[in-house]
PDB file of N, CA and C in Angstrom:
ATOM      1  N   MET A   1       0.840  -1.182   0.000  1.00  0.00           N
ATOM      2  CA  MET A   1       0.000   0.000   0.000  1.00  0.00           C
ATOM      3  C   MET A   1       0.886   1.247   0.000  1.00  0.00           C
ATOM      4  N   SER A   2       0.448   2.264  -0.709  1.00  0.00           N
ATOM      5  CA  SER A   2       1.296   3.438  -0.849  1.00  0.00           C
ATOM      6  C   SER A   2       1.329   4.269   0.433  1.00  0.00           C
ATOM      7  N   ILE A   3       2.423   4.994   0.600  1.00  0.00           N
ATOM      8  CA  ILE A   3       2.587   5.841   1.783  1.00  0.00           C
ATOM      9  C   ILE A   3       1.553   6.969   1.763  1.00  0.00           C
ATOM     10  N   ARG A   4       1.231   7.440   0.565  1.00  0.00           N
ATOM     11  CA  ARG A   4       0.264   8.533   0.456  1.00  0.00           C
ATOM     12  C   ARG A   4      -1.099   8.119   1.020  1.00  0.00           C
ATOM     13  N   PHE A   5      -1.502   6.870   0.767  1.00  0.00           N
ATOM     14  CA  PHE A   5      -2.768   6.372   1.313  1.00  0.00           C
ATOM     15  C   PHE A   5      -2.655   6.168   2.814  1.00  0.00           C
ATOM     16  N   ARG A   6      -1.515   5.661   3.266  1.00  0.00           N
ATOM     17  CA  ARG A   6      -1.344   5.305   4.681  1.00  0.00           C
ATOM     18  C   ARG A   6      -1.419   6.523   5.588  1.00  0.00           C
ATOM     19  N   LYS A   7      -0.953   7.682   5.123  1.00  0.00           N
ATOM     20  CA  LYS A   7      -0.958   8.851   6.009  1.00  0.00           C
ATOM     21  C   LYS A   7      -2.363   9.372   6.282  1.00  0.00           C
ATOM     22  N   TYR A   8      -3.358   8.912   5.526  1.00  0.00           N
ATOM     23  CA  TYR A   8      -4.743   9.319   5.772  1.00  0.00           C
ATOM     24  C   TYR A   8      -5.495   8.351   6.664  1.00  0.00           C
ATOM     25  N   LEU A   9      -4.883   7.225   7.049  1.00  0.00           N
ATOM     26  CA  LEU A   9      -5.597   6.221   7.836  1.00  0.00           C
ATOM     27  C   LEU A   9      -5.930   6.718   9.242  1.00  0.00           C
ATOM     28  N   ILE A  10      -4.962   7.363   9.909  1.00  0.00           N
ATOM     29  CA  ILE A  10      -5.212   7.820  11.285  1.00  0.00           C
ATOM     30  C   ILE A  10      -6.249   8.954  11.308  1.00  0.00           C
ATOM     31  N   PRO A  11      -6.127   9.991  10.438  1.00  0.00           N
ATOM     32  CA  PRO A  11      -7.194  11.009  10.433  1.00  0.00           C
ATOM     33  C   PRO A  11      -8.564  10.430  10.073  1.00  0.00           C
ATOM     34  N   ALA A  12      -8.593   9.449   9.170  1.00  0.00           N
ATOM     35  CA  ALA A  12      -9.874   8.816   8.826  1.00  0.00           C
ATOM     36  C   ALA A  12     -10.433   8.078  10.038  1.00  0.00           C
ATOM     37  N   GLY A  13      -9.558   7.411  10.779  1.00  0.00           N
ATOM     38  CA  GLY A  13      -9.999   6.728  11.993  1.00  0.00           C
ATOM     39  C   GLY A  13     -10.535   7.700  13.027  1.00  0.00           C
ATOM     40  N   VAL A  14      -9.870   8.846  13.161  1.00  0.00           N
ATOM     41  CA  VAL A  14     -10.334   9.861  14.113  1.00  0.00           C
ATOM     42  C   VAL A  14     -11.695  10.413  13.673  1.00  0.00           C
ATOM     43  N   LEU A  15     -11.859  10.614  12.366  1.00  0.00           N
ATOM     44  CA  LEU A  15     -13.143  11.096  11.863  1.00  0.00           C
ATOM     45  C   LEU A  15     -14.263  10.109  12.150  1.00  0.00           C
ATOM     46  N   VAL A  16     -13.996   8.828  11.900  1.00  0.00           N
ATOM     47  CA  VAL A  16     -14.989   7.796  12.203  1.00  0.00           C
ATOM     48  C   VAL A  16     -15.297   7.797  13.699  1.00  0.00           C
ATOM     49  N   GLY A  17     -14.255   7.951  14.513  1.00  0.00           N
ATOM     50  CA  GLY A  17     -14.457   8.003  15.956  1.00  0.00           C
ATOM     51  C   GLY A  17     -15.291   9.203  16.382  1.00  0.00           C
ATOM     52  N   LEU A  18     -15.043  10.362  15.758  1.00  0.00           N
ATOM     53  CA  LEU A  18     -15.830  11.551  16.076  1.00  0.00           C
ATOM     54  C   LEU A  18     -17.296  11.354  15.710  1.00  0.00           C
ATOM     55  N   LEU A  19     -17.529  10.786  14.526  1.00  0.00           N
ATOM     56  CA  LEU A  19     -18.913  10.534  14.122  1.00  0.00           C
ATOM     57  C   LEU A  19     -19.581   9.556  15.076  1.00  0.00           C
ATOM     58  N   THR A  20     -18.840   8.529  15.473  1.00  0.00           N
ATOM     59  CA  THR A  20     -19.371   7.568  16.445  1.00  0.00           C
ATOM     60  C   THR A  20     -19.655   8.267  17.771  1.00  0.00           C
ATOM     61  N   GLY A  21     -18.741   9.141  18.181  1.00  0.00           N
ATOM     62  CA  GLY A  21     -18.926   9.875  19.428  1.00  0.00           C
ATOM     63  C   GLY A  21     -20.152  10.769  19.413  1.00  0.00           C
ATOM     64  N   PHE A  22     -20.366  11.474  18.298  1.00  0.00           N
ATOM     65  CA  PHE A  22     -21.558  12.321  18.207  1.00  0.00           C
ATOM     66  C   PHE A  22     -22.821  11.477  18.196  1.00  0.00           C
ATOM     67  N   TYR A  23     -22.750  10.314  17.554  1.00  0.00           N
ATOM     68  CA  TYR A  23     -23.932   9.449  17.460  1.00  0.00           C
ATOM     69  C   TYR A  23     -24.293   8.856  18.820  1.00  0.00           C
ATOM     70  N   THR A  24     -23.260   8.435  19.568  1.00  0.00           N
ATOM     71  CA  THR A  24     -23.526   7.805  20.862  1.00  0.00           C
ATOM     72  C   THR A  24     -23.613   8.823  21.995  1.00  0.00           C
ATOM     73  N   GLY A  25     -23.096  10.043  21.773  1.00  0.00           N
ATOM     74  CA  GLY A  25     -23.160  11.075  22.793  1.00  0.00           C
ATOM     75  C   GLY A  25     -21.901  11.177  23.637  1.00  0.00           C
ATOM     76  N   ASN A  26     -20.898  10.347  23.378  1.00  0.00           N
ATOM     77  CA  ASN A  26     -19.656  10.392  24.146  1.00  0.00           C
ATOM     78  C   ASN A  26     -18.502  10.665  23.178  1.00  0.00           C
ATOM     79  N   VAL A  27     -18.198  11.960  22.960  1.00  0.00           N
ATOM     80  CA  VAL A  27     -17.231  12.347  21.938  1.00  0.00           C
ATOM     81  C   VAL A  27     -15.822  11.916  22.316  1.00  0.00           C
ATOM     82  N   ARG A  28     -15.448  12.046  23.583  1.00  0.00           N
ATOM     83  CA  ARG A  28     -14.090  11.696  24.008  1.00  0.00           C
ATOM     84  C   ARG A  28     -13.810  10.219  23.752  1.00  0.00           C
ATOM     85  N   GLU A  29     -14.768   9.377  24.083  1.00  0.00           N
ATOM     86  CA  GLU A  29     -14.601   7.944  23.835  1.00  0.00           C
ATOM     87  C   GLU A  29     -14.506   7.670  22.334  1.00  0.00           C
ATOM     88  N   GLY A  30     -15.282   8.390  21.543  1.00  0.00           N
ATOM     89  CA  GLY A  30     -15.238   8.231  20.092  1.00  0.00           C
ATOM     90  C   GLY A  30     -13.879   8.591  19.521  1.00  0.00           C
ATOM     91  N   ILE A  31     -13.242   9.640  20.073  1.00  0.00           N
ATOM     92  CA  ILE A  31     -11.909  10.032  19.598  1.00  0.00           C
ATOM     93  C   ILE A  31     -10.907   8.923  19.881  1.00  0.00           C
ATOM     94  N   PHE A  32     -10.964   8.342  21.090  1.00  0.00           N
ATOM     95  CA  PHE A  32     -10.036   7.257  21.417  1.00  0.00           C
ATOM     96  C   PHE A  32     -10.267   6.041  20.530  1.00  0.00           C
ATOM     97  N   ILE A  33     -11.536   5.722  20.261  1.00  0.00           N
ATOM     98  CA  ILE A  33     -11.845   4.606  19.366  1.00  0.00           C
ATOM     99  C   ILE A  33     -11.277   4.888  17.980  1.00  0.00           C
ATOM    100  N   GLY A  34     -11.443   6.118  17.504  1.00  0.00           N
ATOM    101  CA  GLY A  34     -10.957   6.482  16.176  1.00  0.00           C
ATOM    102  C   GLY A  34      -9.448   6.393  16.066  1.00  0.00           C
ATOM    103  N   ILE A  35      -8.726   6.879  17.084  1.00  0.00           N
ATOM    104  CA  ILE A  35      -7.263   6.793  17.067  1.00  0.00           C
ATOM    105  C   ILE A  35      -6.832   5.333  17.066  1.00  0.00           C
ATOM    106  N   GLY A  36      -7.502   4.521  17.871  1.00  0.00           N
ATOM    107  CA  GLY A  36      -7.177   3.095  17.908  1.00  0.00           C
ATOM    108  C   GLY A  36      -7.415   2.425  16.570  1.00  0.00           C
ATOM    109  N   LEU A  37      -8.539   2.736  15.925  1.00  0.00           N
ATOM    110  CA  LEU A  37      -8.830   2.146  14.615  1.00  0.00           C
ATOM    111  C   LEU A  37      -7.803   2.580  13.577  1.00  0.00           C
ATOM    112  N   GLY A  38      -7.448   3.861  13.596  1.00  0.00           N
ATOM    113  CA  GLY A  38      -6.463   4.359  12.637  1.00  0.00           C
ATOM    114  C   GLY A  38      -5.105   3.720  12.830  1.00  0.00           C
ATOM    115  N   LEU A  39      -4.658   3.598  14.083  1.00  0.00           N
ATOM    116  CA  LEU A  39      -3.361   2.968  14.355  1.00  0.00           C
ATOM    117  C   LEU A  39      -3.377   1.493  13.981  1.00  0.00           C
ATOM    118  N   MET A  40      -4.494   0.811  14.241  1.00  0.00           N
ATOM    119  CA  MET A  40      -4.588  -0.602  13.903  1.00  0.00           C
ATOM    120  C   MET A  40      -4.516  -0.780  12.385  1.00  0.00           C
ATOM    121  N   ALA A  41      -5.250   0.037  11.640  1.00  0.00           N
ATOM    122  CA  ALA A  41      -5.223  -0.059  10.183  1.00  0.00           C
ATOM    123  C   ALA A  41      -3.834   0.270   9.650  1.00  0.00           C
ATOM    124  N   TRP A  42      -3.166   1.270  10.244  1.00  0.00           N
ATOM    125  CA  TRP A  42      -1.823   1.651   9.810  1.00  0.00           C
ATOM    126  C   TRP A  42      -0.840   0.519  10.078  1.00  0.00           C
ATOM    127  N   GLY A  43      -0.963  -0.139  11.229  1.00  0.00           N
ATOM    128  CA  GLY A  43      -0.086  -1.262  11.552  1.00  0.00           C
ATOM    129  C   GLY A  43      -0.285  -2.424  10.607  1.00  0.00           C
ATOM    130  N   VAL A  44      -1.527  -2.718  10.256  1.00  0.00           N
ATOM    131  CA  VAL A  44      -1.808  -3.824   9.335  1.00  0.00           C
ATOM    132  C   VAL A  44      -1.224  -3.528   7.963  1.00  0.00           C
ATOM    133  N   THR A  45      -1.381  -2.297   7.471  1.00  0.00           N
ATOM    134  CA  THR A  45      -0.873  -1.982   6.139  1.00  0.00           C
ATOM    135  C   THR A  45       0.642  -1.925   6.126  1.00  0.00           C
ATOM    136  N   SER A  46       1.276  -1.484   7.213  1.00  0.00           N
ATOM    137  CA  SER A  46       2.739  -1.423   7.216  1.00  0.00           C
ATOM    138  C   SER A  46       3.339  -2.824   7.297  1.00  0.00           C
ATOM    139  N   LYS A  47       2.655  -3.768   7.928  1.00  0.00           N
ATOM    140  CA  LYS A  47       3.147  -5.145   7.954  1.00  0.00           C
ATOM    141  C   LYS A  47       3.084  -5.774   6.572  1.00  0.00           C
ATOM    142  N   LYS A  48       2.072  -5.431   5.789  1.00  0.00           N
ATOM    143  CA  LYS A  48       1.939  -5.984   4.442  1.00  0.00           C
ATOM    144  C   LYS A  48       3.048  -5.477   3.531  1.00  0.00           C
ATOM    145  N   ASP A  49       3.559  -4.277   3.793  1.00  0.00           N
ATOM    146  CA  ASP A  49       4.597  -3.698   2.935  1.00  0.00           C
ATOM    147  C   ASP A  49       5.960  -4.325   3.162  1.00  0.00           C
ATOM    148  N   GLN A  50       6.190  -4.913   4.322  1.00  0.00           N
ATOM    149  CA  GLN A  50       7.525  -5.421   4.635  1.00  0.00           C
ATOM    150  C   GLN A  50       7.846  -6.678   3.877  1.00  0.00           C
TER     151      GLN A  50
END
């Protein structure tokens, strides 16, 4: 996977987390979920590149 795509994974995860937070009413928890999702996706894609 290209580096250009990978640098958008964490912000995309944070965005998903924010939307989840607004939907559930707990924005702080949504941000943490989003950061976790973004880091997990970034880790999976970086392992595939090696």
